[in-house]
Every structure is written in structure tokens, then in C-alpha cells.
């Protein structure tokens, strides 16, 4: 698998702050993606050689690897499985997307309304 590196510039998004730009290298290597913002690194790498942000699949799960403190060797690992589109909470009856707070549970299944819950129970 070949290695590819791209360079882009990211810019300040808040209109209330002075404009800032950072060059960012993006490396695609061995099925992983690594991100190297200029001036940012990781503890075990020399200046300008660290790649503090990565994304990979590990044991079938997409995860983000972030070296968020240059004085610590261990990265933060963020499992992205709950960000899958198939993880959206939907009513078990009508399939409408619902919020956790507004759901009604029956047999550990979410429903958006008493009407959907009643319809499901009637169909049993």
C-alpha cells in the first residue's frame, strides 16, 4: 500500500477572533490516516515529526487516536461506533428518529409515542 501526504491550510472559524491559519499535513499510510498540524506533536516524536491525530479501524471499530498532551505518551482513544448512522435512535414501530429524553421504553425498545407503543403491543 502506498503512502500519500497532502498539505492543506485550516483557518479560524470564529469571526470574533483574529484570523489564524495552520498548515496541516495529512498522511494516508497502511490503512490509517494521520494528521500533523504545524507546531503540534506528540511526546515521543521530535519537533515537526509528530502526528498527534489519527483515525483507524481497530478490531472492526472505527476510532480516533488523539495525542492531546505533548507531555504524556498515552493518547486519548475515541471509539466512533456510536457515531454510526445506524446508531440513530428510532421508534421501534414507525422508525421516526427520536431523542433519548422523549422516548418511551417497552421491553428495552424505544417508541416515540404511546400510540406507536400501543400499535406494537396490539400486533404482538
PDB file of N, CA and C in Angstrom:
ATOM      1  N   UNK A   1       0.850  -1.183   0.000  1.00  0.00           N
ATOM      2  CA  UNK A   1       0.000   0.000   0.000  1.00  0.00           C
ATOM      3  C   UNK A   1       0.889   1.238   0.000  1.00  0.00           C
ATOM      4  N   UNK A   2       0.611   2.184  -0.842  1.00  0.00           N
ATOM      5  CA  UNK A   2       1.472   3.345  -0.957  1.00  0.00           C
ATOM      6  C   UNK A   2       1.111   4.425   0.059  1.00  0.00           C
ATOM      7  N   UNK A   3       2.094   5.223   0.350  1.00  0.00           N
ATOM      8  CA  UNK A   3       1.944   6.325   1.298  1.00  0.00           C
ATOM      9  C   UNK A   3       1.665   7.591   0.506  1.00  0.00           C
ATOM     10  N   UNK A   4       0.701   8.374   0.970  1.00  0.00           N
ATOM     11  CA  UNK A   4       0.381   9.640   0.323  1.00  0.00           C
ATOM     12  C   UNK A   4       0.262  10.715   1.388  1.00  0.00           C
ATOM     13  N   UNK A   5       0.832  11.877   1.129  1.00  0.00           N
ATOM     14  CA  UNK A   5       0.751  13.002   2.052  1.00  0.00           C
ATOM     15  C   UNK A   5       0.168  14.204   1.320  1.00  0.00           C
ATOM     16  N   UNK A   6      -0.759  14.869   1.965  1.00  0.00           N
ATOM     17  CA  UNK A   6      -1.392  16.068   1.432  1.00  0.00           C
ATOM     18  C   UNK A   6      -1.161  17.199   2.426  1.00  0.00           C
ATOM     19  N   UNK A   7      -1.090  18.423   1.933  1.00  0.00           N
ATOM     20  CA  UNK A   7      -0.971  19.582   2.805  1.00  0.00           C
ATOM     21  C   UNK A   7      -2.130  20.523   2.506  1.00  0.00           C
ATOM     22  N   UNK A   8      -2.792  20.940   3.581  1.00  0.00           N
ATOM     23  CA  UNK A   8      -3.886  21.905   3.456  1.00  0.00           C
ATOM     24  C   UNK A   8      -3.686  22.988   4.519  1.00  0.00           C
ATOM     25  N   UNK A   9      -4.479  24.019   4.462  1.00  0.00           N
ATOM     26  CA  UNK A   9      -4.448  25.074   5.479  1.00  0.00           C
ATOM     27  C   UNK A   9      -5.827  25.165   6.094  1.00  0.00           C
ATOM     28  N   UNK A  10      -5.863  25.131   7.423  1.00  0.00           N
ATOM     29  CA  UNK A  10      -7.139  25.359   8.101  1.00  0.00           C
ATOM     30  C   UNK A  10      -7.131  26.784   8.664  1.00  0.00           C
ATOM     31  N   UNK A  11      -8.326  27.374   8.780  1.00  0.00           N
ATOM     32  CA  UNK A  11      -8.440  28.779   9.168  1.00  0.00           C
ATOM     33  C   UNK A  11      -9.392  28.936  10.342  1.00  0.00           C
ATOM     34  N   UNK A  12      -9.146  29.959  11.129  1.00  0.00           N
ATOM     35  CA  UNK A  12     -10.004  30.317  12.270  1.00  0.00           C
ATOM     36  C   UNK A  12     -11.446  30.446  11.796  1.00  0.00           C
ATOM     37  N   UNK A  13     -12.373  29.846  12.543  1.00  0.00           N
ATOM     38  CA  UNK A  13     -13.786  29.860  12.167  1.00  0.00           C
ATOM     39  C   UNK A  13     -14.609  30.877  12.949  1.00  0.00           C
ATOM     40  N   UNK A  14     -14.113  31.330  14.091  1.00  0.00           N
ATOM     41  CA  UNK A  14     -14.859  32.290  14.901  1.00  0.00           C
ATOM     42  C   UNK A  14     -14.609  33.704  14.393  1.00  0.00           C
ATOM     43  N   UNK A  15     -15.683  34.414  14.011  1.00  0.00           N
ATOM     44  CA  UNK A  15     -15.495  35.763  13.473  1.00  0.00           C
ATOM     45  C   UNK A  15     -15.056  36.778  14.534  1.00  0.00           C
ATOM     46  N   UNK A  16     -15.146  36.432  15.815  1.00  0.00           N
ATOM     47  CA  UNK A  16     -14.793  37.361  16.894  1.00  0.00           C
ATOM     48  C   UNK A  16     -13.332  37.264  17.315  1.00  0.00           C
ATOM     49  N   UNK A  17     -12.547  36.468  16.614  1.00  0.00           N
ATOM     50  CA  UNK A  17     -11.150  36.240  16.966  1.00  0.00           C
ATOM     51  C   UNK A  17     -10.278  36.616  15.764  1.00  0.00           C
ATOM     52  N   UNK A  18      -9.067  37.085  16.064  1.00  0.00           N
ATOM     53  CA  UNK A  18      -8.136  37.429  14.988  1.00  0.00           C
ATOM     54  C   UNK A  18      -7.906  36.201  14.098  1.00  0.00           C
ATOM     55  N   UNK A  19      -7.772  36.413  12.795  1.00  0.00           N
ATOM     56  CA  UNK A  19      -7.578  35.285  11.875  1.00  0.00           C
ATOM     57  C   UNK A  19      -6.288  34.517  12.190  1.00  0.00           C
ATOM     58  N   UNK A  20      -6.397  33.199  12.192  1.00  0.00           N
ATOM     59  CA  UNK A  20      -5.260  32.303  12.401  1.00  0.00           C
ATOM     60  C   UNK A  20      -5.327  31.236  11.319  1.00  0.00           C
ATOM     61  N   UNK A  21      -4.185  30.879  10.803  1.00  0.00           N
ATOM     62  CA  UNK A  21      -4.104  29.800   9.816  1.00  0.00           C
ATOM     63  C   UNK A  21      -3.031  28.823  10.271  1.00  0.00           C
ATOM     64  N   UNK A  22      -3.289  27.529  10.079  1.00  0.00           N
ATOM     65  CA  UNK A  22      -2.314  26.494  10.408  1.00  0.00           C
ATOM     66  C   UNK A  22      -2.230  25.541   9.224  1.00  0.00           C
ATOM     67  N   UNK A  23      -1.003  25.307   8.762  1.00  0.00           N
ATOM     68  CA  UNK A  23      -0.808  24.293   7.729  1.00  0.00           C
ATOM     69  C   UNK A  23      -0.924  22.929   8.385  1.00  0.00           C
ATOM     70  N   UNK A  24      -1.567  22.018   7.681  1.00  0.00           N
ATOM     71  CA  UNK A  24      -1.796  20.673   8.198  1.00  0.00           C
ATOM     72  C   UNK A  24      -1.386  19.656   7.140  1.00  0.00           C
ATOM     73  N   UNK A  25      -0.545  18.717   7.556  1.00  0.00           N
ATOM     74  CA  UNK A  25      -0.200  17.588   6.692  1.00  0.00           C
ATOM     75  C   UNK A  25      -1.136  16.441   7.018  1.00  0.00           C
ATOM     76  N   UNK A  26      -1.592  15.747   5.999  1.00  0.00           N
ATOM     77  CA  UNK A  26      -2.448  14.578   6.167  1.00  0.00           C
ATOM     78  C   UNK A  26      -1.748  13.417   5.472  1.00  0.00           C
ATOM     79  N   UNK A  27      -1.533  12.352   6.226  1.00  0.00           N
ATOM     80  CA  UNK A  27      -0.813  11.192   5.722  1.00  0.00           C
ATOM     81  C   UNK A  27      -1.749   9.995   5.664  1.00  0.00           C
ATOM     82  N   UNK A  28      -1.803   9.361   4.512  1.00  0.00           N
ATOM     83  CA  UNK A  28      -2.541   8.116   4.346  1.00  0.00           C
ATOM     84  C   UNK A  28      -1.500   7.024   4.203  1.00  0.00           C
ATOM     85  N   UNK A  29      -1.475   6.109   5.187  1.00  0.00           N
ATOM     86  CA  UNK A  29      -0.423   5.098   5.196  1.00  0.00           C
ATOM     87  C   UNK A  29      -0.927   3.824   5.855  1.00  0.00           C
ATOM     88  N   UNK A  30      -0.801   2.709   5.170  1.00  0.00           N
ATOM     89  CA  UNK A  30      -1.124   1.419   5.765  1.00  0.00           C
ATOM     90  C   UNK A  30      -2.553   1.289   6.254  1.00  0.00           C
ATOM     91  N   UNK A  31      -3.491   1.962   5.603  1.00  0.00           N
ATOM     92  CA  UNK A  31      -4.888   1.871   6.010  1.00  0.00           C
ATOM     93  C   UNK A  31      -5.257   2.795   7.163  1.00  0.00           C
ATOM     94  N   UNK A  32      -4.357   3.664   7.561  1.00  0.00           N
ATOM     95  CA  UNK A  32      -4.627   4.654   8.604  1.00  0.00           C
ATOM     96  C   UNK A  32      -4.491   6.046   7.999  1.00  0.00           C
ATOM     97  N   UNK A  33      -5.078   7.024   8.681  1.00  0.00           N
ATOM     98  CA  UNK A  33      -4.910   8.428   8.309  1.00  0.00           C
ATOM     99  C   UNK A  33      -4.326   9.137   9.523  1.00  0.00           C
ATOM    100  N   UNK A  34      -3.273   9.914   9.301  1.00  0.00           N
ATOM    101  CA  UNK A  34      -2.628  10.676  10.369  1.00  0.00           C
ATOM    102  C   UNK A  34      -2.631  12.152  10.009  1.00  0.00           C
ATOM    103  N   UNK A  35      -2.808  12.996  11.026  1.00  0.00           N
ATOM    104  CA  UNK A  35      -2.918  14.438  10.830  1.00  0.00           C
ATOM    105  C   UNK A  35      -1.830  15.127  11.647  1.00  0.00           C
ATOM    106  N   UNK A  36      -1.099  16.057  10.990  1.00  0.00           N
ATOM    107  CA  UNK A  36       0.022  16.750  11.609  1.00  0.00           C
ATOM    108  C   UNK A  36      -0.141  18.259  11.418  1.00  0.00           C
ATOM    109  N   UNK A  37      -0.805  18.929  12.369  1.00  0.00           N
ATOM    110  CA  UNK A  37      -0.874  20.385  12.294  1.00  0.00           C
ATOM    111  C   UNK A  37       0.510  20.976  12.597  1.00  0.00           C
ATOM    112  N   UNK A  38       0.912  21.970  11.832  1.00  0.00           N
ATOM    113  CA  UNK A  38       2.220  22.592  12.024  1.00  0.00           C
ATOM    114  C   UNK A  38       2.319  23.163  13.441  1.00  0.00           C
ATOM    115  N   UNK A  39       3.388  22.796  14.154  1.00  0.00           N
ATOM    116  CA  UNK A  39       3.598  23.290  15.514  1.00  0.00           C
ATOM    117  C   UNK A  39       2.988  22.408  16.589  1.00  0.00           C
ATOM    118  N   UNK A  40       2.377  21.299  16.207  1.00  0.00           N
ATOM    119  CA  UNK A  40       1.777  20.367  17.161  1.00  0.00           C
ATOM    120  C   UNK A  40       2.470  19.015  16.999  1.00  0.00           C
ATOM    121  N   UNK A  41       2.567  18.265  18.102  1.00  0.00           N
ATOM    122  CA  UNK A  41       3.249  16.993  18.006  1.00  0.00           C
ATOM    123  C   UNK A  41       2.819  16.033  19.096  1.00  0.00           C
ATOM    124  N   UNK A  42       3.731  15.120  19.419  1.00  0.00           N
ATOM    125  CA  UNK A  42       3.470  14.116  20.447  1.00  0.00           C
ATOM    126  C   UNK A  42       4.755  13.891  21.227  1.00  0.00           C
ATOM    127  N   UNK A  43       4.618  13.382  22.439  1.00  0.00           N
ATOM    128  CA  UNK A  43       5.739  13.256  23.367  1.00  0.00           C
ATOM    129  C   UNK A  43       6.924  12.492  22.787  1.00  0.00           C
ATOM    130  N   UNK A  44       6.699  11.395  22.127  1.00  0.00           N
ATOM    131  CA  UNK A  44       7.775  10.506  21.673  1.00  0.00           C
ATOM    132  C   UNK A  44       8.310  10.854  20.288  1.00  0.00           C
ATOM    133  N   UNK A  45       7.999  12.026  19.784  1.00  0.00           N
ATOM    134  CA  UNK A  45       8.485  12.430  18.463  1.00  0.00           C
ATOM    135  C   UNK A  45       9.232  13.754  18.585  1.00  0.00           C
ATOM    136  N   UNK A  46      10.211  13.926  17.730  1.00  0.00           N
ATOM    137  CA  UNK A  46      10.943  15.193  17.668  1.00  0.00           C
ATOM    138  C   UNK A  46      10.009  16.274  17.113  1.00  0.00           C
ATOM    139  N   UNK A  47      10.350  17.532  17.382  1.00  0.00           N
ATOM    140  CA  UNK A  47       9.565  18.637  16.832  1.00  0.00           C
ATOM    141  C   UNK A  47       9.457  18.492  15.314  1.00  0.00           C
ATOM    142  N   UNK A  48       8.307  18.804  14.788  1.00  0.00           N
ATOM    143  CA  UNK A  48       7.982  18.738  13.360  1.00  0.00           C
ATOM    144  C   UNK A  48       7.910  17.316  12.803  1.00  0.00           C
ATOM    145  N   UNK A  49       7.947  16.300  13.672  1.00  0.00           N
ATOM    146  CA  UNK A  49       7.874  14.915  13.207  1.00  0.00           C
ATOM    147  C   UNK A  49       6.675  14.150  13.762  1.00  0.00           C
ATOM    148  N   UNK A  50       5.962  14.712  14.719  1.00  0.00           N
ATOM    149  CA  UNK A  50       4.840  14.014  15.339  1.00  0.00           C
ATOM    150  C   UNK A  50       3.556  14.130  14.534  1.00  0.00           C
ATOM    151  N   UNK A  51       2.723  13.141  14.678  1.00  0.00           N
ATOM    152  CA  UNK A  51       1.400  13.101  14.040  1.00  0.00           C
ATOM    153  C   UNK A  51       0.386  12.909  15.160  1.00  0.00           C
ATOM    154  N   UNK A  52      -0.109  13.998  15.778  1.00  0.00           N
ATOM    155  CA  UNK A  52      -0.906  13.868  17.001  1.00  0.00           C
ATOM    156  C   UNK A  52      -2.353  13.415  16.837  1.00  0.00           C
ATOM    157  N   UNK A  53      -2.832  13.275  15.615  1.00  0.00           N
ATOM    158  CA  UNK A  53      -4.216  12.842  15.413  1.00  0.00           C
ATOM    159  C   UNK A  53      -4.243  11.738  14.361  1.00  0.00           C
ATOM    160  N   UNK A  54      -4.928  10.652  14.676  1.00  0.00           N
ATOM    161  CA  UNK A  54      -5.037   9.558  13.724  1.00  0.00           C
ATOM    162  C   UNK A  54      -6.444   8.985  13.712  1.00  0.00           C
ATOM    163  N   UNK A  55      -6.759   8.293  12.633  1.00  0.00           N
ATOM    164  CA  UNK A  55      -8.031   7.584  12.543  1.00  0.00           C
ATOM    165  C   UNK A  55      -7.738   6.214  11.932  1.00  0.00           C
ATOM    166  N   UNK A  56      -8.331   5.177  12.541  1.00  0.00           N
ATOM    167  CA  UNK A  56      -8.072   3.817  12.078  1.00  0.00           C
ATOM    168  C   UNK A  56      -9.240   2.915  12.440  1.00  0.00           C
ATOM    169  N   UNK A  57      -9.210   1.726  11.881  1.00  0.00           N
ATOM    170  CA  UNK A  57     -10.150   0.679  12.277  1.00  0.00           C
ATOM    171  C   UNK A  57      -9.356  -0.299  13.136  1.00  0.00           C
ATOM    172  N   UNK A  58      -9.837  -0.564  14.351  1.00  0.00           N
ATOM    173  CA  UNK A  58      -9.181  -1.478  15.278  1.00  0.00           C
ATOM    174  C   UNK A  58     -10.215  -2.471  15.782  1.00  0.00           C
ATOM    175  N   UNK A  59      -9.980  -3.734  15.540  1.00  0.00           N
ATOM    176  CA  UNK A  59     -10.898  -4.801  15.934  1.00  0.00           C
ATOM    177  C   UNK A  59     -12.308  -4.537  15.408  1.00  0.00           C
ATOM    178  N   UNK A  60     -12.369  -4.075  14.150  1.00  0.00           N
ATOM    179  CA  UNK A  60     -13.644  -3.853  13.488  1.00  0.00           C
ATOM    180  C   UNK A  60     -14.352  -2.566  13.864  1.00  0.00           C
ATOM    181  N   UNK A  61     -13.708  -1.717  14.682  1.00  0.00           N
ATOM    182  CA  UNK A  61     -14.349  -0.490  15.156  1.00  0.00           C
ATOM    183  C   UNK A  61     -13.532   0.723  14.715  1.00  0.00           C
ATOM    184  N   UNK A  62     -14.221   1.729  14.176  1.00  0.00           N
ATOM    185  CA  UNK A  62     -13.572   2.973  13.786  1.00  0.00           C
ATOM    186  C   UNK A  62     -13.232   3.759  15.047  1.00  0.00           C
ATOM    187  N   UNK A  63     -11.991   4.250  15.118  1.00  0.00           N
ATOM    188  CA  UNK A  63     -11.612   5.016  16.301  1.00  0.00           C
ATOM    189  C   UNK A  63     -10.681   6.157  15.931  1.00  0.00           C
ATOM    190  N   UNK A  64     -10.708   7.171  16.773  1.00  0.00           N
ATOM    191  CA  UNK A  64      -9.878   8.351  16.642  1.00  0.00           C
ATOM    192  C   UNK A  64      -8.795   8.269  17.710  1.00  0.00           C
ATOM    193  N   UNK A  65      -7.556   8.523  17.341  1.00  0.00           N
ATOM    194  CA  UNK A  65      -6.429   8.497  18.266  1.00  0.00           C
ATOM    195  C   UNK A  65      -5.932   9.927  18.378  1.00  0.00           C
ATOM    196  N   UNK A  66      -5.906  10.480  19.593  1.00  0.00           N
ATOM    197  CA  UNK A  66      -5.522  11.872  19.775  1.00  0.00           C
ATOM    198  C   UNK A  66      -4.468  11.973  20.876  1.00  0.00           C
ATOM    199  N   UNK A  67      -3.290  12.435  20.497  1.00  0.00           N
ATOM    200  CA  UNK A  67      -2.249  12.749  21.473  1.00  0.00           C
ATOM    201  C   UNK A  67      -2.501  14.202  21.869  1.00  0.00           C
ATOM    202  N   UNK A  68      -3.318  14.396  22.895  1.00  0.00           N
ATOM    203  CA  UNK A  68      -3.793  15.735  23.244  1.00  0.00           C
ATOM    204  C   UNK A  68      -2.910  16.461  24.256  1.00  0.00           C
ATOM    205  N   UNK A  69      -1.817  15.852  24.683  1.00  0.00           N
ATOM    206  CA  UNK A  69      -0.909  16.481  25.645  1.00  0.00           C
ATOM    207  C   UNK A  69       0.511  16.065  25.280  1.00  0.00           C
ATOM    208  N   UNK A  70       1.322  17.010  24.856  1.00  0.00           N
ATOM    209  CA  UNK A  70       2.674  16.694  24.403  1.00  0.00           C
ATOM    210  C   UNK A  70       3.562  16.169  25.531  1.00  0.00           C
ATOM    211  N   UNK A  71       3.105  16.267  26.756  1.00  0.00           N
ATOM    212  CA  UNK A  71       3.877  15.783  27.896  1.00  0.00           C
ATOM    213  C   UNK A  71       3.438  14.405  28.373  1.00  0.00           C
ATOM    214  N   UNK A  72       2.502  13.777  27.671  1.00  0.00           N
ATOM    215  CA  UNK A  72       2.039  12.420  28.007  1.00  0.00           C
ATOM    216  C   UNK A  72       2.234  11.512  26.811  1.00  0.00           C
ATOM    217  N   UNK A  73       2.669  10.288  27.075  1.00  0.00           N
ATOM    218  CA  UNK A  73       2.864   9.320  25.985  1.00  0.00           C
ATOM    219  C   UNK A  73       1.558   8.709  25.506  1.00  0.00           C
ATOM    220  N   UNK A  74       0.615   8.512  26.406  1.00  0.00           N
ATOM    221  CA  UNK A  74      -0.619   7.796  26.067  1.00  0.00           C
ATOM    222  C   UNK A  74      -1.622   8.717  25.367  1.00  0.00           C
ATOM    223  N   UNK A  75      -2.176   8.258  24.240  1.00  0.00           N
ATOM    224  CA  UNK A  75      -3.193   9.057  23.547  1.00  0.00           C
ATOM    225  C   UNK A  75      -4.575   8.844  24.157  1.00  0.00           C
ATOM    226  N   UNK A  76      -5.474   9.729  23.811  1.00  0.00           N
ATOM    227  CA  UNK A  76      -6.895   9.522  24.069  1.00  0.00           C
ATOM    228  C   UNK A  76      -7.406   8.704  22.885  1.00  0.00           C
ATOM    229  N   UNK A  77      -8.156   7.652  23.156  1.00  0.00           N
ATOM    230  CA  UNK A  77      -8.732   6.838  22.088  1.00  0.00           C
ATOM    231  C   UNK A  77     -10.246   7.036  22.148  1.00  0.00           C
ATOM    232  N   UNK A  78     -10.806   7.491  21.061  1.00  0.00           N
ATOM    233  CA  UNK A  78     -12.235   7.765  20.998  1.00  0.00           C
ATOM    234  C   UNK A  78     -12.876   6.778  20.029  1.00  0.00           C
ATOM    235  N   UNK A  79     -13.725   5.911  20.563  1.00  0.00           N
ATOM    236  CA  UNK A  79     -14.455   4.936  19.759  1.00  0.00           C
ATOM    237  C   UNK A  79     -15.602   5.678  19.069  1.00  0.00           C
ATOM    238  N   UNK A  80     -15.671   5.572  17.759  1.00  0.00           N
ATOM    239  CA  UNK A  80     -16.690   6.302  16.997  1.00  0.00           C
ATOM    240  C   UNK A  80     -17.922   5.474  16.654  1.00  0.00           C
ATOM    241  N   UNK A  81     -18.034   4.285  17.189  1.00  0.00           N
ATOM    242  CA  UNK A  81     -19.154   3.409  16.830  1.00  0.00           C
ATOM    243  C   UNK A  81     -20.519   4.038  17.120  1.00  0.00           C
ATOM    244  N   UNK A  82     -20.627   4.826  18.169  1.00  0.00           N
ATOM    245  CA  UNK A  82     -21.924   5.459  18.464  1.00  0.00           C
ATOM    246  C   UNK A  82     -22.231   6.609  17.505  1.00  0.00           C
ATOM    247  N   UNK A  83     -21.266   6.963  16.656  1.00  0.00           N
ATOM    248  CA  UNK A  83     -21.496   7.993  15.646  1.00  0.00           C
ATOM    249  C   UNK A  83     -21.983   7.390  14.322  1.00  0.00           C
ATOM    250  N   UNK A  84     -22.073   6.069  14.275  1.00  0.00           N
ATOM    251  CA  UNK A  84     -22.594   5.423  13.051  1.00  0.00           C
ATOM    252  C   UNK A  84     -24.011   5.912  12.770  1.00  0.00           C
ATOM    253  N   UNK A  85     -24.322   6.084  11.517  1.00  0.00           N
ATOM    254  CA  UNK A  85     -25.681   6.500  11.151  1.00  0.00           C
ATOM    255  C   UNK A  85     -26.708   5.461  11.581  1.00  0.00           C
ATOM    256  N   UNK A  86     -26.311   4.201  11.609  1.00  0.00           N
ATOM    257  CA  UNK A  86     -27.234   3.153  12.039  1.00  0.00           C
ATOM    258  C   UNK A  86     -27.470   3.168  13.547  1.00  0.00           C
ATOM    259  N   UNK A  87     -26.721   3.999  14.282  1.00  0.00           N
ATOM    260  CA  UNK A  87     -26.897   4.081  15.738  1.00  0.00           C
ATOM    261  C   UNK A  87     -27.962   5.112  16.132  1.00  0.00           C
ATOM    262  N   UNK A  88     -28.551   5.793  15.153  1.00  0.00           N
ATOM    263  CA  UNK A  88     -29.609   6.756  15.488  1.00  0.00           C
ATOM    264  C   UNK A  88     -30.724   6.034  16.229  1.00  0.00           C
ATOM    265  N   UNK A  89     -31.255   6.664  17.259  1.00  0.00           N
ATOM    266  CA  UNK A  89     -32.367   6.067  17.992  1.00  0.00           C
ATOM    267  C   UNK A  89     -33.640   6.311  17.187  1.00  0.00           C
ATOM    268  N   UNK A  90     -34.319   5.238  16.859  1.00  0.00           N
ATOM    269  CA  UNK A  90     -35.556   5.323  16.079  1.00  0.00           C
ATOM    270  C   UNK A  90     -36.660   4.575  16.803  1.00  0.00           C
ATOM    271  N   UNK A  91     -37.870   5.029  16.588  1.00  0.00           N
ATOM    272  CA  UNK A  91     -39.044   4.362  17.141  1.00  0.00           C
ATOM    273  C   UNK A  91     -39.111   2.941  16.590  1.00  0.00           C
ATOM    274  N   UNK A  92     -39.321   1.989  17.455  1.00  0.00           N
ATOM    275  CA  UNK A  92     -39.382   0.591  17.049  1.00  0.00           C
ATOM    276  C   UNK A  92     -40.593   0.305  16.143  1.00  0.00           C
ATOM    277  N   UNK A  93     -41.580   1.177  16.154  1.00  0.00           N
ATOM    278  CA  UNK A  93     -42.786   0.956  15.352  1.00  0.00           C
ATOM    279  C   UNK A  93     -42.770   1.759  14.046  1.00  0.00           C
ATOM    280  N   UNK A  94     -42.687   3.083  14.136  1.00  0.00           N
ATOM    281  CA  UNK A  94     -42.796   3.922  12.929  1.00  0.00           C
ATOM    282  C   UNK A  94     -41.434   4.307  12.338  1.00  0.00           C
ATOM    283  N   UNK A  95     -40.364   4.004  13.036  1.00  0.00           N
ATOM    284  CA  UNK A  95     -38.984   4.264  12.609  1.00  0.00           C
ATOM    285  C   UNK A  95     -38.610   5.738  12.589  1.00  0.00           C
ATOM    286  N   UNK A  96     -39.447   6.607  13.164  1.00  0.00           N
ATOM    287  CA  UNK A  96     -39.135   8.030  13.265  1.00  0.00           C
ATOM    288  C   UNK A  96     -37.950   8.211  14.211  1.00  0.00           C
ATOM    289  N   UNK A  97     -37.047   9.133  13.860  1.00  0.00           N
ATOM    290  CA  UNK A  97     -35.907   9.419  14.730  1.00  0.00           C
ATOM    291  C   UNK A  97     -36.409  10.108  15.999  1.00  0.00           C
ATOM    292  N   UNK A  98     -35.917   9.668  17.130  1.00  0.00           N
ATOM    293  CA  UNK A  98     -36.354  10.230  18.409  1.00  0.00           C
ATOM    294  C   UNK A  98     -35.149  10.547  19.285  1.00  0.00           C
ATOM    295  N   UNK A  99     -35.361  11.438  20.226  1.00  0.00           N
ATOM    296  CA  UNK A  99     -34.341  11.791  21.212  1.00  0.00           C
ATOM    297  C   UNK A  99     -34.481  10.848  22.403  1.00  0.00           C
ATOM    298  N   UNK A 100     -33.378  10.602  23.059  1.00  0.00           N
ATOM    299  CA  UNK A 100     -33.373   9.729  24.246  1.00  0.00           C
ATOM    300  C   UNK A 100     -34.389  10.212  25.282  1.00  0.00           C
ATOM    301  N   UNK A 101     -34.429  11.520  25.506  1.00  0.00           N
ATOM    302  CA  UNK A 101     -35.295  12.078  26.542  1.00  0.00           C
ATOM    303  C   UNK A 101     -36.785  11.905  26.235  1.00  0.00           C
ATOM    304  N   UNK A 102     -37.136  11.849  24.950  1.00  0.00           N
ATOM    305  CA  UNK A 102     -38.555  11.759  24.599  1.00  0.00           C
ATOM    306  C   UNK A 102     -39.012  10.331  24.294  1.00  0.00           C
ATOM    307  N   UNK A 103     -38.129   9.376  24.442  1.00  0.00           N
ATOM    308  CA  UNK A 103     -38.515   8.003  24.106  1.00  0.00           C
ATOM    309  C   UNK A 103     -39.264   7.323  25.246  1.00  0.00           C
ATOM    310  N   UNK A 104     -40.110   6.397  24.850  1.00  0.00           N
ATOM    311  CA  UNK A 104     -40.850   5.539  25.772  1.00  0.00           C
ATOM    312  C   UNK A 104     -40.262   4.150  25.572  1.00  0.00           C
ATOM    313  N   UNK A 105     -39.917   3.476  26.648  1.00  0.00           N
ATOM    314  CA  UNK A 105     -39.302   2.152  26.524  1.00  0.00           C
ATOM    315  C   UNK A 105     -40.312   1.059  26.883  1.00  0.00           C
ATOM    316  N   UNK A 106     -40.274  -0.014  26.111  1.00  0.00           N
ATOM    317  CA  UNK A 106     -41.045  -1.224  26.411  1.00  0.00           C
ATOM    318  C   UNK A 106     -40.196  -2.397  25.955  1.00  0.00           C
ATOM    319  N   UNK A 107     -39.928  -3.328  26.826  1.00  0.00           N
ATOM    320  CA  UNK A 107     -39.036  -4.461  26.547  1.00  0.00           C
ATOM    321  C   UNK A 107     -37.690  -3.965  26.011  1.00  0.00           C
ATOM    322  N   UNK A 108     -37.250  -2.843  26.577  1.00  0.00           N
ATOM    323  CA  UNK A 108     -35.986  -2.190  26.236  1.00  0.00           C
ATOM    324  C   UNK A 108     -35.940  -1.691  24.789  1.00  0.00           C
ATOM    325  N   UNK A 109     -37.096  -1.524  24.158  1.00  0.00           N
ATOM    326  CA  UNK A 109     -37.187  -0.982  22.805  1.00  0.00           C
ATOM    327  C   UNK A 109     -37.756   0.432  22.883  1.00  0.00           C
ATOM    328  N   UNK A 110     -37.213   1.381  22.090  1.00  0.00           N
ATOM    329  CA  UNK A 110     -37.704   2.761  22.136  1.00  0.00           C
ATOM    330  C   UNK A 110     -38.925   2.977  21.238  1.00  0.00           C
ATOM    331  N   UNK A 111     -39.840   3.806  21.712  1.00  0.00           N
ATOM    332  CA  UNK A 111     -41.030   4.211  20.954  1.00  0.00           C
ATOM    333  C   UNK A 111     -41.170   5.711  21.071  1.00  0.00           C
ATOM    334  N   UNK A 112     -41.696   6.355  20.018  1.00  0.00           N
ATOM    335  CA  UNK A 112     -41.808   7.811  20.013  1.00  0.00           C
ATOM    336  C   UNK A 112     -43.086   8.305  20.683  1.00  0.00           C
ATOM    337  N   UNK A 113     -44.095   7.435  20.808  1.00  0.00           N
ATOM    338  CA  UNK A 113     -45.359   7.883  21.393  1.00  0.00           C
ATOM    339  C   UNK A 113     -46.116   6.694  21.975  1.00  0.00           C
ATOM    340  N   UNK A 114     -47.093   7.012  22.787  1.00  0.00           N
ATOM    341  CA  UNK A 114     -47.956   5.956  23.329  1.00  0.00           C
ATOM    342  C   UNK A 114     -48.716   5.256  22.205  1.00  0.00           C
ATOM    343  N   UNK A 115     -49.064   6.006  21.148  1.00  0.00           N
ATOM    344  CA  UNK A 115     -49.800   5.412  20.026  1.00  0.00           C
ATOM    345  C   UNK A 115     -48.949   4.333  19.331  1.00  0.00           C
ATOM    346  N   UNK A 116     -47.672   4.621  19.112  1.00  0.00           N
ATOM    347  CA  UNK A 116     -46.793   3.617  18.486  1.00  0.00           C
ATOM    348  C   UNK A 116     -46.595   2.413  19.406  1.00  0.00           C
ATOM    349  N   UNK A 117     -46.437   2.665  20.690  1.00  0.00           N
ATOM    350  CA  UNK A 117     -46.294   1.567  21.647  1.00  0.00           C
ATOM    351  C   UNK A 117     -47.542   0.708  21.650  1.00  0.00           C
ATOM    352  N   UNK A 118     -48.727   1.345  21.669  1.00  0.00           N
ATOM    353  CA  UNK A 118     -49.992   0.597  21.647  1.00  0.00           C
ATOM    354  C   UNK A 118     -50.134  -0.237  20.364  1.00  0.00           C
ATOM    355  N   UNK A 119     -49.753   0.347  19.217  1.00  0.00           N
ATOM    356  CA  UNK A 119     -49.837  -0.364  17.943  1.00  0.00           C
ATOM    357  C   UNK A 119     -48.910  -1.588  17.949  1.00  0.00           C
ATOM    358  N   UNK A 120     -47.738  -1.418  18.509  1.00  0.00           N
ATOM    359  CA  UNK A 120     -46.798  -2.542  18.578  1.00  0.00           C
ATOM    360  C   UNK A 120     -47.330  -3.651  19.490  1.00  0.00           C
ATOM    361  N   UNK A 121     -47.858  -3.241  20.630  1.00  0.00           N
ATOM    362  CA  UNK A 121     -48.418  -4.236  21.565  1.00  0.00           C
ATOM    363  C   UNK A 121     -49.584  -4.984  20.917  1.00  0.00           C
ATOM    364  N   UNK A 122     -50.416  -4.253  20.174  1.00  0.00           N
ATOM    365  CA  UNK A 122     -51.586  -4.873  19.531  1.00  0.00           C
ATOM    366  C   UNK A 122     -51.153  -5.882  18.463  1.00  0.00           C
ATOM    367  N   UNK A 123     -50.028  -5.621  17.835  1.00  0.00           N
ATOM    368  CA  UNK A 123     -49.546  -6.504  16.772  1.00  0.00           C
ATOM    369  C   UNK A 123     -48.890  -7.773  17.326  1.00  0.00           C
ATOM    370  N   UNK A 124     -48.641  -7.796  18.612  1.00  0.00           N
ATOM    371  CA  UNK A 124     -47.942  -8.964  19.234  1.00  0.00           C
ATOM    372  C   UNK A 124     -48.839 -10.178  19.261  1.00  0.00           C
TER     373      UNK A 124
END
